[in-house]
Structures are given as structure tokens and as C-alpha cells.
Amino acid sequence: MDEKYRSGNCGICLGRIGDESVAECPCGMIFHDACALPTGACPYCSRPYSELSVRKPDRARCPVCGRYIKGNSCLCGAVLPWPDGTFTCSCGASVDGEDPVCSSCGAVYELTRFDAGGGKRKER
């Protein structure tokens, strides 16, 4: 996401934008998308929400808690595999996602798969 948005403040709640979805009005004001959507319009120029440009962050959301994540781990404790199916243990070792036990420190990870509808099922 553009640095312009990351370092800006929301024109509604005045909070820092950070890496959240941002809505930009043609009048130049920026908002957290979560703040702008319920208002239905820009509080500064009254343009409808549908005319605001919404930009999503460059990061994925955690399938467990919904937070935006950086890398392959989330604040909630979820560890997501890299495209090759491995992930990095907290000790720094690489762990195979099919056998989620770290060979270096012995940490055991719970394997959870998500179906296409967003539901999850625990496997280990």
C-alpha cells in the first residue's frame, strides 16, 4: 500500500491508517474503510461512499482471527504455510506443514485446514 496512506490519519476517527483498507474521496480526504462505509458518504464533501476509491492492503488476512498479517504468522498465534507448504517455527527452523512438529526444538503445531466456505476443521 502506498506510504501516503500508511502514514496518514483517518478523517473520521483520526486514528492512524496503518495497513488497513483505506477509502479515499475525490476531495482528498482519506478514511479507514471501516469508518467510511457506515457513514455512507464523505463527511467533508457529502460525496456518496460509492464514489470513494477503496484500496485494500498488500497483506493477507488471517483465516483464524481476520487480522492483516505480515509474513506467515499472526498475532493470534496462527502460523500459515508458505507456498511450498513449510512454515517457520518460532525457533527459526523450517517445519513441514504436513508433519507440524519442529525437528529443532520439538514444538508441536496444530494443523487446521480451511474449506472454500471459510469453515475450519482441526486435523491434529
Protein backbone atom coordinates (compact mmCIF):
# COMPACT_ATOMS: atom_id res chain seq x y z
CA MET A 1 0.00 0.00 0.00
CA ASP A 2 1.18 3.50 -0.79
CA GLU A 3 3.15 5.22 2.00
CA LYS A 4 0.76 8.18 1.66
CA TYR A 5 -1.98 6.09 3.23
CA ARG A 6 0.11 4.22 5.81
CA SER A 7 1.31 7.44 7.41
CA GLY A 8 -2.00 9.31 7.20
CA ASN A 9 -4.83 9.66 9.68
CA CYS A 10 -8.48 8.80 9.19
CA GLY A 11 -10.62 11.88 8.64
CA ILE A 12 -13.41 10.33 10.73
CA CYS A 13 -11.86 8.69 13.81
CA LEU A 14 -8.49 10.50 13.46
CA GLY A 15 -6.65 7.20 14.03
CA ARG A 16 -3.56 6.25 12.04
CA ILE A 17 -4.41 4.43 8.80
CA GLY A 18 -1.58 1.88 9.04
CA ASP A 19 -2.06 -1.22 6.89
CA GLU A 20 -5.85 -1.23 6.90
CA SER A 21 -8.24 -0.83 3.99
CA VAL A 22 -8.49 2.84 3.12
CA ALA A 23 -11.20 4.83 1.37
CA GLU A 24 -10.12 7.99 -0.45
CA CYS A 25 -12.58 10.64 -1.50
CA PRO A 26 -12.02 12.69 -4.67
CA CYS A 27 -11.91 15.73 -2.34
CA GLY A 28 -8.61 14.36 -0.99
CA MET A 29 -9.71 13.09 2.41
CA ILE A 30 -8.77 9.56 3.47
CA PHE A 31 -10.55 7.28 5.91
CA HIS A 32 -10.38 3.78 7.31
CA ASP A 33 -12.77 1.91 5.04
CA ALA A 34 -14.44 0.57 8.20
CA CYS A 35 -15.14 4.17 9.29
CA ALA A 36 -16.30 5.43 5.88
CA LEU A 37 -18.64 2.60 4.95
CA PRO A 38 -21.19 3.12 7.77
CA THR A 39 -21.39 6.86 7.10
CA GLY A 40 -22.49 6.28 3.51
CA ALA A 41 -20.82 9.49 2.35
CA CYS A 42 -17.75 11.64 2.82
CA PRO A 43 -18.38 13.76 5.92
CA TYR A 44 -16.40 16.63 4.35
CA CYS A 45 -17.95 16.98 0.89
CA SER A 46 -21.00 14.65 1.05
CA ARG A 47 -19.97 12.51 -1.93
CA PRO A 48 -21.61 9.08 -1.62
CA TYR A 49 -19.49 6.16 -0.43
CA SER A 50 -19.82 4.59 -3.90
CA GLU A 51 -17.66 7.42 -5.31
CA LEU A 52 -14.82 6.80 -2.85
CA SER A 53 -11.82 4.81 -4.05
CA VAL A 54 -11.19 1.86 -1.73
CA ARG A 55 -7.70 0.37 -1.54
CA LYS A 56 -7.00 -2.91 0.19
CA PRO A 57 -3.70 -3.53 1.96
CA ASP A 58 -0.98 -5.58 0.31
CA ARG A 59 -1.23 -8.21 3.01
CA ALA A 60 -3.47 -11.19 3.51
CA ARG A 61 -5.94 -11.65 6.34
CA CYS A 62 -5.51 -14.36 8.94
CA PRO A 63 -8.14 -17.06 8.35
CA VAL A 64 -8.40 -17.62 12.12
CA CYS A 65 -8.96 -14.10 13.51
CA GLY A 66 -9.26 -11.85 10.45
CA ARG A 67 -6.31 -9.56 11.23
CA TYR A 68 -3.99 -8.47 8.45
CA ILE A 69 -0.78 -10.45 8.65
CA LYS A 70 2.78 -9.87 7.57
CA GLY A 71 4.90 -12.87 6.75
CA ASN A 72 3.42 -16.19 7.78
CA SER A 73 2.42 -15.64 11.40
CA CYS A 74 -0.34 -13.68 13.10
CA LEU A 75 -0.67 -12.03 16.50
CA CYS A 76 -3.36 -14.58 17.38
CA GLY A 77 -0.76 -17.34 17.16
CA ALA A 78 -1.77 -18.76 13.79
CA VAL A 79 1.15 -19.78 11.60
CA LEU A 80 0.37 -20.01 7.91
CA PRO A 81 2.44 -22.07 5.49
CA TRP A 82 4.50 -20.60 2.69
CA PRO A 83 3.52 -21.63 -0.88
CA ASP A 84 5.84 -24.67 -0.62
CA GLY A 85 3.89 -25.97 2.41
CA THR A 86 6.56 -25.16 5.00
CA PHE A 87 6.48 -22.55 7.73
CA THR A 88 8.99 -21.02 10.11
CA CYS A 89 8.93 -22.14 13.74
CA SER A 90 9.41 -19.57 16.50
CA CYS A 91 12.91 -21.03 16.97
CA GLY A 92 13.72 -20.14 13.35
CA ALA A 93 13.74 -23.67 11.93
CA SER A 94 11.75 -24.65 8.86
CA VAL A 95 8.83 -27.01 9.54
CA ASP A 96 6.99 -29.18 7.01
CA GLY A 97 3.28 -28.33 7.12
CA GLU A 98 2.30 -31.98 6.64
CA ASP A 99 4.23 -33.04 9.76
CA PRO A 100 3.84 -29.99 12.03
CA VAL A 101 6.50 -30.90 14.61
CA CYS A 102 9.68 -28.84 14.67
CA SER A 103 12.71 -31.13 14.37
CA SER A 104 14.88 -28.50 16.01
CA CYS A 105 13.01 -27.56 19.21
CA GLY A 106 10.16 -30.10 19.30
CA ALA A 107 7.34 -27.55 19.13
CA VAL A 108 4.09 -29.15 18.00
CA TYR A 109 1.72 -27.16 15.80
CA GLU A 110 -1.98 -27.81 15.38
CA LEU A 111 -2.85 -28.44 11.75
CA THR A 112 -6.09 -26.75 10.73
CA ARG A 113 -7.41 -26.72 7.20
CA PHE A 114 -9.97 -24.27 5.88
CA ASP A 115 -12.61 -25.21 3.36
CA ALA A 116 -13.67 -22.94 0.50
CA GLY A 117 -16.53 -21.52 2.57
CA GLY A 118 -14.19 -20.28 5.28
CA GLY A 119 -15.07 -23.02 7.76
CA LYS A 120 -12.26 -24.78 9.54
CA ARG A 121 -11.68 -28.32 10.63
CA LYS A 122 -8.99 -29.43 13.03
CA GLU A 123 -6.80 -32.29 11.86
CA ARG A 124 -4.22 -32.57 14.66
